Structures are given as C-alpha cells and as structure tokens.
Amino acid sequence: MEILEAAEKYLRQLADVRRLSPATVRAYRADLASLSAACGDIALDDVDLENLRDWLWQSVQRGDSRATIARRTAAVRGFFAWATEAGLLAADPSLRLVAPKRGRTLPKVATADALADVLTRMENAAAGGDPIALRDHAVLELLYGAAVRVSELCGLDVDDVDRDRHTARVLGKGAKERVVPFGLPALRAMDAYLVRGRPALVARRPDDAPTSAVFLGARGGRLGSRAVYDLVARELGPELGEHVGPHALRHSAATHLLDGGADLRAVQEMLGHASLGTTQIYTHVSSERLAASYRLAHPRA
C-alpha cells in the first residue's frame, strides 16, 4: 500500500472517530504528504527509521520551528502506530523517532493601550458605514473581547450570538462547544455590523442563497481564516511585527484578564483548554503585575 493511500484512511479516523479539529487534520495531511514526497516512490512497509530521520532533517535544514517539527513527529508517530495496529505493517518504524522538546515561546502580546488605539481607529473607520470596515471592526473586537480562536470566529452562525446576554456559542477543538462572554464594545461593533454591514455583504452573494454565517467575505461567502490573518497582520503589524496573527489577540486577552485579577480556572474555561497546565503555559504574568506584587508583598521592596 502507498503512503498516501494509508494516510487518507488514518486521517478519516482522526476526523470521524477521534474528532480532531479540521485544522489539525489539515496539518497532519500536509505533514504526511510531505513525508510521502520525501520518501519517493516506495511502499508504506518499506519506510524505515532512516527515511523518517532524513525527512525531519529536511525540516531542520529549512529552518522550520521546533513546534512545527514536533507536530510533524507526532503526525508520523501516530500514523505508523495506527498502521501497525491496523495490520498494515509488521513493525512500527517510528518507535525510536525522537521529537525535539517544544519550547515555551509565547505569542506576542499587545498592550491594552495599543489595542485600544487600534480598535478606536477601526471604530472611526466603520462610522462611515462601509460594510467591510464594519465587519473588520466587529471581527477584531470579538477576537479580543471573547478570546476566541480564528476557526471559532469564522465558524460562528447568526443563531450562535446572544446579543441580550452578550455571549457567543463557539465550537472549539475536538468539537467541544462552549459559551464565551464579550463586552459592550464588542456588542456595539457586532450590532453595527449585523444591522448595517452584513445585509450589504449578503446582497453580494452571486446565487442569492441564504447563509447562516455571521462574518462574510467581500463576495458574501463565509469569511475564511486567511482573510482574518491578513486583517490582523495589517492592523497589528506596526505594533507586534509583520508575522502577527489572530492568536496574538487571544493571548493578549488572556494576559489582560490575568492582569485584571481573573482566576486562572476562569480563564481556562473561557479559552476552552482541557488542561489547566495548557493555560499556565499559554498565559503569563506580565512584568507590570509581577512588579506590583513584589512591591506589595516583599519586605525589602
């Protein structure tokens, strides 16, 4: 059996049985396709440990991040373990494949003042009534105000937003549903977009078919994550650098919640993390909060 043929069966199991997120399945599909290309025209049962090590070494040579290499290692180890259990292989060649230790490099964090300036600028731009400007303002307000993932934001339907309770129902990793709150600035931006911006974008749909998506693209289809990445990079790039993405807003929201005294477990629930340890890694105590705690608590401060 060819690598890619077996890989598709494995990916279907990840999606249908283990219920991994579509983003994770896409990443694993790309990883296994990369492995197949690196191994060349050989059958699945001809792949050995040296093939796998050579493939990872190519990632190192390209300068891929440690997190990317660790994910690729996890992808192939999971794949070959499944293939062995399914009887496609007599032995698992990935058992001795060692993943590099993942670093705890945190995403960049925007200051509360910097984000306030960006969101005020976008609010002023949206005041003119342009539907794209109204949408972009609402997108950033919700990303920051509710600390949602970009996939969760793009997957929102109109019925998922409760404007009276200031909450949104999102579908997170592993198809786990949760309800997240958002504040008055996000509510005002959402109201303006849903009343004045979204109907104009719906009218641009070429087939006039109804859509349940909250956030729409310029042609009336559901907004894609790539467009959100471009928006965040354009608006926050001057503050955080050209490679900033929507996760920076999620991380900034979590950090600012902790700075304001929010309980770590409450932040965990809002972010949708299964483990508190994930939240502890993902969020960090800012230097300002640490300094304030030091001044209040240390006898020699």
C-alpha atoms as a PDB file:
ATOM      1  CA  MET A   1       0.000   0.000   0.000  1.00  0.00           C
ATOM      2  CA  GLU A   2       1.215   3.521  -0.801  1.00  0.00           C
ATOM      3  CA  ILE A   3       1.846   6.031   1.972  1.00  0.00           C
ATOM      4  CA  LEU A   4      -0.805   8.492   0.817  1.00  0.00           C
ATOM      5  CA  GLU A   5      -3.465   5.789   0.445  1.00  0.00           C
ATOM      6  CA  ALA A   6      -2.907   4.664   4.011  1.00  0.00           C
ATOM      7  CA  ALA A   7      -2.662   8.269   5.192  1.00  0.00           C
ATOM      8  CA  GLU A   8      -6.151   9.084   3.914  1.00  0.00           C
ATOM      9  CA  LYS A   9      -7.600   6.189   5.922  1.00  0.00           C
ATOM     10  CA  TYR A  10      -5.760   7.401   9.009  1.00  0.00           C
ATOM     11  CA  LEU A  11      -6.952  10.982   8.524  1.00  0.00           C
ATOM     12  CA  ARG A  12     -10.557   9.843   8.195  1.00  0.00           C
ATOM     13  CA  GLN A  13     -10.172   8.059  11.518  1.00  0.00           C
ATOM     14  CA  LEU A  14      -8.786  11.229  13.116  1.00  0.00           C
ATOM     15  CA  ALA A  15     -11.687  13.292  11.807  1.00  0.00           C
ATOM     16  CA  ASP A  16     -14.572  10.854  12.293  1.00  0.00           C
ATOM     17  CA  VAL A  17     -13.557   8.814  15.355  1.00  0.00           C
ATOM     18  CA  ARG A  18     -11.126  10.927  17.350  1.00  0.00           C
ATOM     19  CA  ARG A  19     -12.926  14.145  16.293  1.00  0.00           C
ATOM     20  CA  LEU A  20      -9.767  16.191  15.910  1.00  0.00           C
ATOM     21  CA  SER A  21     -10.270  19.709  14.634  1.00  0.00           C
ATOM     22  CA  PRO A  22     -10.290  20.319  10.855  1.00  0.00           C
ATOM     23  CA  ALA A  23      -7.191  22.489  11.247  1.00  0.00           C
ATOM     24  CA  THR A  24      -5.281  19.655  12.937  1.00  0.00           C
ATOM     25  CA  VAL A  25      -6.367  17.168  10.273  1.00  0.00           C
ATOM     26  CA  ARG A  26      -5.250  19.576   7.533  1.00  0.00           C
ATOM     27  CA  ALA A  27      -1.862  19.998   9.208  1.00  0.00           C
ATOM     28  CA  TYR A  28      -1.401  16.229   9.545  1.00  0.00           C
ATOM     29  CA  ARG A  29      -2.428  15.729   5.914  1.00  0.00           C
ATOM     30  CA  ALA A  30       0.227  18.210   4.807  1.00  0.00           C
ATOM     31  CA  ASP A  31       2.818  16.531   7.047  1.00  0.00           C
ATOM     32  CA  LEU A  32       2.112  13.059   5.670  1.00  0.00           C
ATOM     33  CA  ALA A  33       2.084  14.346   2.100  1.00  0.00           C
ATOM     34  CA  SER A  34       5.478  15.903   2.776  1.00  0.00           C
ATOM     35  CA  LEU A  35       6.726  12.567   4.129  1.00  0.00           C
ATOM     36  CA  SER A  36       5.463  10.750   1.045  1.00  0.00           C
ATOM     37  CA  ALA A  37       7.221  13.225  -1.261  1.00  0.00           C
ATOM     38  CA  ALA A  38      10.467  12.913   0.720  1.00  0.00           C
ATOM     39  CA  CYS A  39      10.381   9.104   0.678  1.00  0.00           C
ATOM     40  CA  GLY A  40       9.722   8.942  -3.034  1.00  0.00           C
ATOM     41  CA  ASP A  41       8.113   6.017  -4.798  1.00  0.00           C
ATOM     42  CA  ILE A  42       8.274   3.432  -2.006  1.00  0.00           C
ATOM     43  CA  ALA A  43       5.553   1.398  -0.342  1.00  0.00           C
ATOM     44  CA  LEU A  44       4.367   2.009   3.193  1.00  0.00           C
ATOM     45  CA  ASP A  45       6.058  -1.121   4.540  1.00  0.00           C
ATOM     46  CA  ASP A  46       9.402  -0.054   3.013  1.00  0.00           C
ATOM     47  CA  VAL A  47       9.624   3.103   5.135  1.00  0.00           C
ATOM     48  CA  ASP A  48      12.262   2.780   7.841  1.00  0.00           C
ATOM     49  CA  LEU A  49      13.637   4.896  10.669  1.00  0.00           C
ATOM     50  CA  GLU A  50      16.316   6.440   8.461  1.00  0.00           C
ATOM     51  CA  ASN A  51      13.668   7.665   5.995  1.00  0.00           C
ATOM     52  CA  LEU A  52      11.865   9.362   8.860  1.00  0.00           C
ATOM     53  CA  ARG A  53      15.025  10.916  10.280  1.00  0.00           C
ATOM     54  CA  ASP A  54      16.028  12.224   6.838  1.00  0.00           C
ATOM     55  CA  TRP A  55      12.602  13.768   6.425  1.00  0.00           C
ATOM     56  CA  LEU A  56      12.795  15.560   9.775  1.00  0.00           C
ATOM     57  CA  TRP A  57      16.315  16.695   8.990  1.00  0.00           C
ATOM     58  CA  GLN A  58      14.982  18.422   5.861  1.00  0.00           C
ATOM     59  CA  SER A  59      12.633  20.396   8.138  1.00  0.00           C
ATOM     60  CA  VAL A  60      15.572  21.402  10.322  1.00  0.00           C
ATOM     61  CA  GLN A  61      17.559  22.484   7.269  1.00  0.00           C
ATOM     62  CA  ARG A  62      14.649  24.631   6.082  1.00  0.00           C
ATOM     63  CA  GLY A  63      14.598  26.387   9.434  1.00  0.00           C
ATOM     64  CA  ASP A  64      11.157  25.132  10.486  1.00  0.00           C
ATOM     65  CA  SER A  65      10.263  25.950  14.072  1.00  0.00           C
ATOM     66  CA  ARG A  66      10.654  23.404  16.856  1.00  0.00           C
ATOM     67  CA  ALA A  67       6.882  23.400  17.280  1.00  0.00           C
ATOM     68  CA  THR A  68       6.413  22.500  13.601  1.00  0.00           C
ATOM     69  CA  ILE A  69       8.976  19.700  13.786  1.00  0.00           C
ATOM     70  CA  ALA A  70       7.381  18.398  16.994  1.00  0.00           C
ATOM     71  CA  ARG A  71       3.967  18.367  15.315  1.00  0.00           C
ATOM     72  CA  ARG A  72       5.373  16.517  12.306  1.00  0.00           C
ATOM     73  CA  THR A  73       6.944  13.957  14.609  1.00  0.00           C
ATOM     74  CA  ALA A  74       3.607  13.476  16.356  1.00  0.00           C
ATOM     75  CA  ALA A  75       1.858  13.120  12.996  1.00  0.00           C
ATOM     76  CA  VAL A  76       4.102  10.326  11.714  1.00  0.00           C
ATOM     77  CA  ARG A  77       4.297   8.508  15.036  1.00  0.00           C
ATOM     78  CA  GLY A  78       0.518   8.496  15.293  1.00  0.00           C
ATOM     79  CA  PHE A  79       0.210   7.396  11.673  1.00  0.00           C
ATOM     80  CA  PHE A  80       2.636   4.493  11.930  1.00  0.00           C
ATOM     81  CA  ALA A  81       1.230   3.364  15.284  1.00  0.00           C
ATOM     82  CA  TRP A  82      -2.217   3.243  13.670  1.00  0.00           C
ATOM     83  CA  ALA A  83      -0.881   1.419  10.588  1.00  0.00           C
ATOM     84  CA  THR A  84       0.799  -1.187  12.784  1.00  0.00           C
ATOM     85  CA  GLU A  85      -2.315  -1.693  14.889  1.00  0.00           C
ATOM     86  CA  ALA A  86      -4.411  -1.986  11.707  1.00  0.00           C
ATOM     87  CA  GLY A  87      -2.167  -4.744  10.415  1.00  0.00           C
ATOM     88  CA  LEU A  88      -0.716  -2.730   7.544  1.00  0.00           C
ATOM     89  CA  LEU A  89       2.785  -3.021   8.999  1.00  0.00           C
ATOM     90  CA  ALA A  90       4.609  -5.776  10.823  1.00  0.00           C
ATOM     91  CA  ALA A  91       6.594  -3.302  12.941  1.00  0.00           C
ATOM     92  CA  ASP A  92       6.405   0.409  13.689  1.00  0.00           C
ATOM     93  CA  PRO A  93       9.464   2.227  12.215  1.00  0.00           C
ATOM     94  CA  SER A  94       8.740   5.417  14.173  1.00  0.00           C
ATOM     95  CA  LEU A  95       9.164   3.972  17.673  1.00  0.00           C
ATOM     96  CA  ARG A  96      12.687   5.384  18.015  1.00  0.00           C
ATOM     97  CA  LEU A  97      11.917   8.669  16.290  1.00  0.00           C
ATOM     98  CA  VAL A  98      12.612  11.391  18.840  1.00  0.00           C
ATOM     99  CA  ALA A  99      10.781  14.683  18.758  1.00  0.00           C
ATOM    100  CA  PRO A 100      12.639  17.825  19.803  1.00  0.00           C
ATOM    101  CA  LYS A 101      11.455  19.335  23.032  1.00  0.00           C
ATOM    102  CA  ARG A 102       8.954  22.056  22.405  1.00  0.00           C
ATOM    103  CA  GLY A 103       9.966  25.455  23.605  1.00  0.00           C
ATOM    104  CA  ARG A 104       7.624  27.635  25.580  1.00  0.00           C
ATOM    105  CA  THR A 105       7.938  30.630  23.323  1.00  0.00           C
ATOM    106  CA  LEU A 106       4.835  32.687  23.924  1.00  0.00           C
ATOM    107  CA  PRO A 107       2.927  34.599  21.269  1.00  0.00           C
ATOM    108  CA  LYS A 108       3.475  38.315  21.137  1.00  0.00           C
ATOM    109  CA  VAL A 109       1.187  40.373  23.338  1.00  0.00           C
ATOM    110  CA  ALA A 110      -0.175  43.801  22.530  1.00  0.00           C
ATOM    111  CA  THR A 111      -0.565  46.265  25.367  1.00  0.00           C
ATOM    112  CA  ALA A 112      -4.084  47.256  26.373  1.00  0.00           C
ATOM    113  CA  ASP A 113      -3.378  50.839  25.292  1.00  0.00           C
ATOM    114  CA  ALA A 114      -2.117  49.778  21.883  1.00  0.00           C
ATOM    115  CA  LEU A 115      -5.185  47.621  21.284  1.00  0.00           C
ATOM    116  CA  ALA A 116      -7.453  50.439  22.424  1.00  0.00           C
ATOM    117  CA  ASP A 117      -5.836  52.731  19.854  1.00  0.00           C
ATOM    118  CA  VAL A 118      -6.254  50.163  17.071  1.00  0.00           C
ATOM    119  CA  LEU A 119      -9.877  49.442  17.918  1.00  0.00           C
ATOM    120  CA  THR A 120     -10.719  53.142  18.218  1.00  0.00           C
ATOM    121  CA  ARG A 121      -9.187  53.759  14.800  1.00  0.00           C
ATOM    122  CA  MET A 122     -11.239  50.926  13.338  1.00  0.00           C
ATOM    123  CA  GLU A 123     -14.394  52.178  15.027  1.00  0.00           C
ATOM    124  CA  ASN A 124     -13.859  55.577  13.415  1.00  0.00           C
ATOM    125  CA  ALA A 125     -13.323  53.943  10.023  1.00  0.00           C
ATOM    126  CA  ALA A 126     -16.518  51.900  10.441  1.00  0.00           C
ATOM    127  CA  ALA A 127     -18.535  55.003  11.281  1.00  0.00           C
ATOM    128  CA  GLY A 128     -18.717  55.782   7.555  1.00  0.00           C
ATOM    129  CA  GLY A 129     -20.900  52.693   7.039  1.00  0.00           C
ATOM    130  CA  ASP A 130     -18.640  50.691   4.734  1.00  0.00           C
ATOM    131  CA  PRO A 131     -19.679  47.025   5.236  1.00  0.00           C
ATOM    132  CA  ILE A 132     -16.098  45.716   5.153  1.00  0.00           C
ATOM    133  CA  ALA A 133     -14.979  48.297   7.717  1.00  0.00           C
ATOM    134  CA  LEU A 134     -17.952  47.414   9.926  1.00  0.00           C
ATOM    135  CA  ARG A 135     -17.107  43.721   9.644  1.00  0.00           C
ATOM    136  CA  ASP A 136     -13.399  44.195  10.342  1.00  0.00           C
ATOM    137  CA  HIS A 137     -14.121  46.239  13.438  1.00  0.00           C
ATOM    138  CA  ALA A 138     -16.516  43.574  14.749  1.00  0.00           C
ATOM    139  CA  VAL A 139     -14.015  40.791  13.960  1.00  0.00           C
ATOM    140  CA  LEU A 140     -11.205  42.363  15.974  1.00  0.00           C
ATOM    141  CA  GLU A 141     -13.496  43.356  18.837  1.00  0.00           C
ATOM    142  CA  LEU A 142     -14.757  39.773  19.125  1.00  0.00           C
ATOM    143  CA  LEU A 143     -11.330  38.152  18.750  1.00  0.00           C
ATOM    144  CA  TYR A 144     -10.037  40.274  21.603  1.00  0.00           C
ATOM    145  CA  GLY A 145     -13.242  40.618  23.639  1.00  0.00           C
ATOM    146  CA  ALA A 146     -14.101  36.891  23.675  1.00  0.00           C
ATOM    147  CA  ALA A 147     -10.575  35.440  23.275  1.00  0.00           C
ATOM    148  CA  VAL A 148     -11.819  33.027  20.594  1.00  0.00           C
ATOM    149  CA  ARG A 149      -9.737  31.091  18.081  1.00  0.00           C
ATOM    150  CA  VAL A 150      -9.882  32.222  14.469  1.00  0.00           C
ATOM    151  CA  SER A 151     -11.582  28.944  13.467  1.00  0.00           C
ATOM    152  CA  GLU A 152     -14.224  29.514  16.138  1.00  0.00           C
ATOM    153  CA  LEU A 153     -14.857  33.044  14.934  1.00  0.00           C
ATOM    154  CA  CYS A 154     -15.139  32.039  11.270  1.00  0.00           C
ATOM    155  CA  GLY A 155     -17.475  29.175  12.194  1.00  0.00           C
ATOM    156  CA  LEU A 156     -19.966  31.395  14.040  1.00  0.00           C
ATOM    157  CA  ASP A 157     -23.553  31.384  12.801  1.00  0.00           C
ATOM    158  CA  VAL A 158     -26.083  34.143  13.487  1.00  0.00           C
ATOM    159  CA  ASP A 159     -28.019  31.975  15.945  1.00  0.00           C
ATOM    160  CA  ASP A 160     -24.821  31.398  17.945  1.00  0.00           C
ATOM    161  CA  VAL A 161     -24.686  35.025  19.063  1.00  0.00           C
ATOM    162  CA  ASP A 162     -26.886  36.024  22.007  1.00  0.00           C
ATOM    163  CA  ARG A 163     -26.888  39.794  21.926  1.00  0.00           C
ATOM    164  CA  ASP A 164     -29.052  40.074  25.056  1.00  0.00           C
ATOM    165  CA  ARG A 165     -26.674  38.027  27.214  1.00  0.00           C
ATOM    166  CA  HIS A 166     -23.508  39.253  25.445  1.00  0.00           C
ATOM    167  CA  THR A 167     -22.375  35.703  24.712  1.00  0.00           C
ATOM    168  CA  ALA A 168     -21.396  33.588  21.726  1.00  0.00           C
ATOM    169  CA  ARG A 169     -21.603  29.802  21.379  1.00  0.00           C
ATOM    170  CA  VAL A 170     -18.463  28.504  19.687  1.00  0.00           C
ATOM    171  CA  LEU A 171     -17.287  25.085  18.559  1.00  0.00           C
ATOM    172  CA  GLY A 172     -13.704  24.533  19.691  1.00  0.00           C
ATOM    173  CA  LYS A 173     -11.118  21.810  19.297  1.00  0.00           C
ATOM    174  CA  GLY A 174     -12.427  18.266  19.386  1.00  0.00           C
ATOM    175  CA  ALA A 175     -15.921  19.574  18.510  1.00  0.00           C
ATOM    176  CA  LYS A 176     -16.291  20.822  22.097  1.00  0.00           C
ATOM    177  CA  GLU A 177     -18.895  23.515  22.454  1.00  0.00           C
ATOM    178  CA  ARG A 178     -18.638  26.348  24.945  1.00  0.00           C
ATOM    179  CA  VAL A 179     -20.257  29.726  25.574  1.00  0.00           C
ATOM    180  CA  VAL A 180     -17.980  32.755  25.848  1.00  0.00           C
ATOM    181  CA  PRO A 181     -18.860  36.256  27.042  1.00  0.00           C
ATOM    182  CA  PHE A 182     -17.951  39.500  25.324  1.00  0.00           C
ATOM    183  CA  GLY A 183     -18.185  43.109  26.450  1.00  0.00           C
ATOM    184  CA  LEU A 184     -20.082  46.217  25.441  1.00  0.00           C
ATOM    185  CA  PRO A 185     -17.548  47.442  22.841  1.00  0.00           C
ATOM    186  CA  ALA A 186     -17.787  44.102  21.025  1.00  0.00           C
ATOM    187  CA  LEU A 187     -21.598  44.178  21.335  1.00  0.00           C
ATOM    188  CA  ARG A 188     -21.781  47.652  19.791  1.00  0.00           C
ATOM    189  CA  ALA A 189     -19.472  46.631  16.959  1.00  0.00           C
ATOM    190  CA  MET A 190     -21.474  43.443  16.354  1.00  0.00           C
ATOM    191  CA  ASP A 191     -24.772  45.336  16.376  1.00  0.00           C
ATOM    192  CA  ALA A 192     -23.479  47.861  13.865  1.00  0.00           C
ATOM    193  CA  TYR A 193     -22.157  45.123  11.600  1.00  0.00           C
ATOM    194  CA  LEU A 194     -25.228  42.853  11.817  1.00  0.00           C
ATOM    195  CA  VAL A 195     -27.634  45.731  11.156  1.00  0.00           C
ATOM    196  CA  ARG A 196     -25.724  47.757   8.541  1.00  0.00           C
ATOM    197  CA  GLY A 197     -22.790  45.703   7.280  1.00  0.00           C
ATOM    198  CA  ARG A 198     -23.858  42.080   6.974  1.00  0.00           C
ATOM    199  CA  PRO A 199     -27.033  42.702   4.901  1.00  0.00           C
ATOM    200  CA  ALA A 200     -24.932  44.563   2.325  1.00  0.00           C
ATOM    201  CA  LEU A 201     -22.495  41.640   2.115  1.00  0.00           C
ATOM    202  CA  VAL A 202     -25.329  39.106   1.868  1.00  0.00           C
ATOM    203  CA  ALA A 203     -26.628  41.043  -1.157  1.00  0.00           C
ATOM    204  CA  ARG A 204     -23.312  40.402  -2.909  1.00  0.00           C
ATOM    205  CA  ARG A 205     -23.835  36.627  -2.952  1.00  0.00           C
ATOM    206  CA  PRO A 206     -23.996  35.644  -6.636  1.00  0.00           C
ATOM    207  CA  ASP A 207     -26.658  32.974  -6.167  1.00  0.00           C
ATOM    208  CA  ASP A 208     -28.744  34.902  -3.610  1.00  0.00           C
ATOM    209  CA  ALA A 209     -28.701  31.765  -1.446  1.00  0.00           C
ATOM    210  CA  PRO A 210     -29.277  32.345   2.274  1.00  0.00           C
ATOM    211  CA  THR A 211     -26.311  31.988   4.608  1.00  0.00           C
ATOM    212  CA  SER A 212     -26.174  31.498   8.358  1.00  0.00           C
ATOM    213  CA  ALA A 213     -22.588  32.714   8.798  1.00  0.00           C
ATOM    214  CA  VAL A 214     -22.059  35.778  10.960  1.00  0.00           C
ATOM    215  CA  PHE A 215     -18.926  37.025   9.251  1.00  0.00           C
ATOM    216  CA  LEU A 216     -18.947  37.226   5.463  1.00  0.00           C
ATOM    217  CA  GLY A 217     -16.305  37.890   2.862  1.00  0.00           C
ATOM    218  CA  ALA A 218     -16.403  40.573   0.208  1.00  0.00           C
ATOM    219  CA  ARG A 219     -18.436  38.299  -2.103  1.00  0.00           C
ATOM    220  CA  GLY A 220     -20.935  37.228   0.520  1.00  0.00           C
ATOM    221  CA  GLY A 221     -19.499  33.811   1.424  1.00  0.00           C
ATOM    222  CA  ARG A 222     -18.399  32.742   4.900  1.00  0.00           C
ATOM    223  CA  LEU A 223     -15.278  34.635   5.941  1.00  0.00           C
ATOM    224  CA  GLY A 224     -12.143  32.470   5.806  1.00  0.00           C
ATOM    225  CA  SER A 225      -9.334  32.326   8.322  1.00  0.00           C
ATOM    226  CA  ARG A 226      -6.798  33.585   5.761  1.00  0.00           C
ATOM    227  CA  ALA A 227      -8.688  36.872   5.444  1.00  0.00           C
ATOM    228  CA  VAL A 228      -8.687  37.236   9.251  1.00  0.00           C
ATOM    229  CA  TYR A 229      -4.927  36.608   9.368  1.00  0.00           C
ATOM    230  CA  ASP A 230      -4.414  39.315   6.744  1.00  0.00           C
ATOM    231  CA  LEU A 231      -6.635  41.731   8.681  1.00  0.00           C
ATOM    232  CA  VAL A 232      -4.786  41.204  11.976  1.00  0.00           C
ATOM    233  CA  ALA A 233      -1.382  41.459  10.300  1.00  0.00           C
ATOM    234  CA  ARG A 234      -2.389  44.705   8.629  1.00  0.00           C
ATOM    235  CA  GLU A 235      -3.833  46.330  11.740  1.00  0.00           C
ATOM    236  CA  LEU A 236      -1.472  44.994  14.425  1.00  0.00           C
ATOM    237  CA  GLY A 237       1.659  44.558  12.329  1.00  0.00           C
ATOM    238  CA  PRO A 238       3.034  48.017  13.216  1.00  0.00           C
ATOM    239  CA  GLU A 239       2.700  47.138  16.907  1.00  0.00           C
ATOM    240  CA  LEU A 240       3.760  43.473  17.008  1.00  0.00           C
ATOM    241  CA  GLY A 241       5.599  42.760  13.757  1.00  0.00           C
ATOM    242  CA  GLU A 242       4.673  41.547  10.290  1.00  0.00           C
ATOM    243  CA  HIS A 243       4.057  37.909  11.246  1.00  0.00           C
ATOM    244  CA  VAL A 244       1.417  38.598  13.896  1.00  0.00           C
ATOM    245  CA  GLY A 245      -1.812  36.589  13.649  1.00  0.00           C
ATOM    246  CA  PRO A 246      -5.202  36.265  15.378  1.00  0.00           C
ATOM    247  CA  HIS A 247      -3.699  34.138  18.180  1.00  0.00           C
ATOM    248  CA  ALA A 248      -1.921  37.260  19.446  1.00  0.00           C
ATOM    249  CA  LEU A 249      -5.323  38.788  20.241  1.00  0.00           C
ATOM    250  CA  ARG A 250      -6.403  35.630  22.080  1.00  0.00           C
ATOM    251  CA  HIS A 251      -3.197  35.593  24.065  1.00  0.00           C
ATOM    252  CA  SER A 252      -3.430  39.319  24.771  1.00  0.00           C
ATOM    253  CA  ALA A 253      -6.980  38.872  26.053  1.00  0.00           C
ATOM    254  CA  ALA A 254      -5.909  36.055  28.393  1.00  0.00           C
ATOM    255  CA  THR A 255      -2.945  38.054  29.677  1.00  0.00           C
ATOM    256  CA  HIS A 256      -5.050  41.165  30.283  1.00  0.00           C
ATOM    257  CA  LEU A 257      -7.671  39.080  32.120  1.00  0.00           C
ATOM    258  CA  LEU A 258      -4.983  37.765  34.471  1.00  0.00           C
ATOM    259  CA  ASP A 259      -3.555  41.251  34.887  1.00  0.00           C
ATOM    260  CA  GLY A 260      -7.016  42.395  35.948  1.00  0.00           C
ATOM    261  CA  GLY A 261      -7.238  39.696  38.615  1.00  0.00           C
ATOM    262  CA  ALA A 262      -9.242  36.999  36.798  1.00  0.00           C
ATOM    263  CA  ASP A 263      -8.988  33.499  38.234  1.00  0.00           C
ATOM    264  CA  LEU A 264      -6.778  31.154  36.229  1.00  0.00           C
ATOM    265  CA  ARG A 265      -9.500  28.497  36.071  1.00  0.00           C
ATOM    266  CA  ALA A 266     -11.995  31.048  34.751  1.00  0.00           C
ATOM    267  CA  VAL A 267      -9.523  31.949  32.011  1.00  0.00           C
ATOM    268  CA  GLN A 268      -9.052  28.238  31.294  1.00  0.00           C
ATOM    269  CA  GLU A 269     -12.794  27.816  30.825  1.00  0.00           C
ATOM    270  CA  MET A 270     -13.070  30.867  28.612  1.00  0.00           C
ATOM    271  CA  LEU A 271     -10.214  29.719  26.390  1.00  0.00           C
ATOM    272  CA  GLY A 272     -11.600  26.197  26.165  1.00  0.00           C
ATOM    273  CA  HIS A 273      -8.467  24.440  27.408  1.00  0.00           C
ATOM    274  CA  ALA A 274      -8.905  20.862  28.639  1.00  0.00           C
ATOM    275  CA  SER A 275      -5.924  21.198  30.988  1.00  0.00           C
ATOM    276  CA  LEU A 276      -5.076  23.967  33.403  1.00  0.00           C
ATOM    277  CA  GLY A 277      -1.430  23.323  32.565  1.00  0.00           C
ATOM    278  CA  THR A 278      -2.109  24.431  28.987  1.00  0.00           C
ATOM    279  CA  THR A 279      -3.499  27.712  30.268  1.00  0.00           C
ATOM    280  CA  GLN A 280      -0.496  28.195  32.546  1.00  0.00           C
ATOM    281  CA  ILE A 281       1.815  27.810  29.561  1.00  0.00           C
ATOM    282  CA  TYR A 282      -0.351  29.856  27.250  1.00  0.00           C
ATOM    283  CA  THR A 283      -0.772  32.799  29.564  1.00  0.00           C
ATOM    284  CA  HIS A 284       1.887  34.571  31.556  1.00  0.00           C
ATOM    285  CA  VAL A 285       2.082  37.137  34.329  1.00  0.00           C
ATOM    286  CA  SER A 286       3.097  40.447  32.869  1.00  0.00           C
ATOM    287  CA  SER A 287       6.116  42.266  34.199  1.00  0.00           C
ATOM    288  CA  GLU A 288       3.886  45.077  35.476  1.00  0.00           C
ATOM    289  CA  ARG A 289       1.766  42.680  37.542  1.00  0.00           C
ATOM    290  CA  LEU A 290       4.837  40.890  38.856  1.00  0.00           C
ATOM    291  CA  ALA A 291       6.425  44.183  39.854  1.00  0.00           C
ATOM    292  CA  ALA A 292       3.236  45.312  41.609  1.00  0.00           C
ATOM    293  CA  SER A 293       3.005  42.033  43.533  1.00  0.00           C
ATOM    294  CA  TYR A 294       6.653  42.378  44.530  1.00  0.00           C
ATOM    295  CA  ARG A 295       6.159  45.895  45.825  1.00  0.00           C
ATOM    296  CA  LEU A 296       3.117  44.845  47.871  1.00  0.00           C
ATOM    297  CA  ALA A 297       4.456  41.575  49.261  1.00  0.00           C
ATOM    298  CA  HIS A 298       8.232  41.631  49.571  1.00  0.00           C
ATOM    299  CA  PRO A 299       9.587  43.087  52.837  1.00  0.00           C
ATOM    300  CA  ARG A 300      12.602  44.528  51.032  1.00  0.00           C
ATOM    301  CA  ALA A 301      10.726  46.032  48.093  1.00  0.00           C
END
